[in-house]
């Protein structure tokens, strides 16, 4: 199953789910690049 976000897919929405700050920063950069590409910038 594909995933497009921070953290591990196998731990998503589990009681002890956690995401590192670095994973969030990487996701923000990925979202920004995707939006820029989609919007032609």
N, C-alpha and C. Protein backbone atom coordinates (compact mmCIF):
# COMPACT_ATOMS: atom_id res chain seq x y z
N UNK A 1 0.85 -1.17 0.00
CA UNK A 1 0.00 0.00 0.00
C UNK A 1 0.90 1.25 0.00
N UNK A 2 0.68 2.19 -0.87
CA UNK A 2 1.52 3.39 -0.93
C UNK A 2 1.23 4.33 0.26
N UNK A 3 2.24 5.09 0.57
CA UNK A 3 2.11 6.05 1.66
C UNK A 3 2.73 7.38 1.23
N UNK A 4 2.13 8.47 1.61
CA UNK A 4 2.62 9.78 1.23
C UNK A 4 2.62 10.68 2.46
N UNK A 5 3.43 10.34 3.42
CA UNK A 5 3.49 11.13 4.63
C UNK A 5 4.58 10.65 5.56
N UNK A 6 4.78 11.38 6.66
CA UNK A 6 5.83 11.02 7.60
C UNK A 6 5.46 9.79 8.43
N UNK A 7 6.46 9.13 8.95
CA UNK A 7 6.25 7.97 9.81
C UNK A 7 6.22 6.67 9.05
N UNK A 8 6.07 5.61 9.80
CA UNK A 8 6.03 4.27 9.22
C UNK A 8 4.59 3.85 8.98
N UNK A 9 4.31 3.37 7.81
CA UNK A 9 2.96 2.96 7.46
C UNK A 9 2.48 1.84 8.39
N UNK A 10 3.38 0.96 8.78
CA UNK A 10 2.99 -0.15 9.65
C UNK A 10 2.59 0.31 11.05
N UNK A 11 2.99 1.52 11.44
CA UNK A 11 2.67 2.04 12.77
C UNK A 11 1.58 3.12 12.71
N UNK A 12 1.11 3.44 11.52
CA UNK A 12 0.13 4.51 11.36
C UNK A 12 -1.16 4.22 12.11
N UNK A 13 -1.63 5.20 12.84
CA UNK A 13 -2.90 5.15 13.56
C UNK A 13 -2.95 4.06 14.62
N UNK A 14 -1.78 3.65 15.09
CA UNK A 14 -1.70 2.67 16.17
C UNK A 14 -1.63 3.40 17.51
N UNK A 15 -1.93 2.72 18.59
CA UNK A 15 -1.93 3.38 19.90
C UNK A 15 -0.61 4.06 20.25
N UNK A 16 0.51 3.50 19.84
CA UNK A 16 1.82 4.07 20.19
C UNK A 16 2.51 4.70 19.00
N UNK A 17 1.75 5.21 18.07
CA UNK A 17 2.32 5.84 16.88
C UNK A 17 3.16 7.04 17.28
N UNK A 18 4.30 7.21 16.62
CA UNK A 18 5.13 8.38 16.83
C UNK A 18 5.82 8.73 15.51
N UNK A 19 6.16 9.99 15.37
CA UNK A 19 6.82 10.48 14.16
C UNK A 19 7.94 11.41 14.60
N UNK A 20 9.12 11.23 14.04
CA UNK A 20 10.24 12.08 14.41
C UNK A 20 10.10 13.47 13.78
N UNK A 21 10.73 14.42 14.40
CA UNK A 21 10.73 15.79 13.87
C UNK A 21 11.35 15.81 12.47
N UNK A 22 12.41 15.05 12.28
CA UNK A 22 13.07 15.01 10.97
C UNK A 22 12.13 14.44 9.90
N UNK A 23 11.33 13.44 10.25
CA UNK A 23 10.38 12.89 9.29
C UNK A 23 9.33 13.92 8.90
N UNK A 24 8.92 14.75 9.84
CA UNK A 24 7.95 15.80 9.54
C UNK A 24 8.58 16.85 8.62
N UNK A 25 9.82 17.24 8.90
CA UNK A 25 10.53 18.22 8.06
C UNK A 25 10.67 17.68 6.64
N UNK A 26 11.04 16.42 6.51
CA UNK A 26 11.18 15.81 5.18
C UNK A 26 9.84 15.79 4.45
N UNK A 27 8.76 15.49 5.17
CA UNK A 27 7.43 15.46 4.55
C UNK A 27 7.02 16.85 4.08
N UNK A 28 7.30 17.87 4.87
CA UNK A 28 6.97 19.24 4.48
C UNK A 28 7.70 19.61 3.19
N UNK A 29 8.96 19.24 3.09
CA UNK A 29 9.74 19.52 1.87
C UNK A 29 9.15 18.77 0.68
N UNK A 30 8.74 17.52 0.91
CA UNK A 30 8.15 16.71 -0.17
C UNK A 30 6.84 17.33 -0.63
N UNK A 31 5.99 17.75 0.32
CA UNK A 31 4.72 18.38 -0.03
C UNK A 31 4.95 19.67 -0.81
N UNK A 32 5.93 20.46 -0.39
CA UNK A 32 6.23 21.72 -1.07
C UNK A 32 6.70 21.48 -2.49
N UNK A 33 7.59 20.51 -2.67
CA UNK A 33 8.06 20.19 -4.04
C UNK A 33 6.93 19.69 -4.91
N UNK A 34 6.05 18.87 -4.36
CA UNK A 34 4.92 18.35 -5.11
C UNK A 34 3.98 19.48 -5.52
N UNK A 35 3.66 20.37 -4.59
CA UNK A 35 2.78 21.50 -4.88
C UNK A 35 3.40 22.41 -5.94
N UNK A 36 4.70 22.70 -5.79
CA UNK A 36 5.40 23.55 -6.75
C UNK A 36 5.35 22.93 -8.15
N UNK A 37 5.61 21.64 -8.22
CA UNK A 37 5.59 20.95 -9.51
C UNK A 37 4.19 20.95 -10.11
N UNK A 38 3.20 20.67 -9.30
CA UNK A 38 1.81 20.62 -9.76
C UNK A 38 1.33 21.99 -10.24
N UNK A 39 1.75 23.04 -9.54
CA UNK A 39 1.31 24.39 -9.87
C UNK A 39 2.18 25.07 -10.92
N UNK A 40 3.22 24.36 -11.37
CA UNK A 40 4.06 24.89 -12.45
C UNK A 40 5.09 25.90 -12.00
N UNK A 41 5.46 25.89 -10.75
CA UNK A 41 6.42 26.87 -10.23
C UNK A 41 7.72 26.25 -10.05
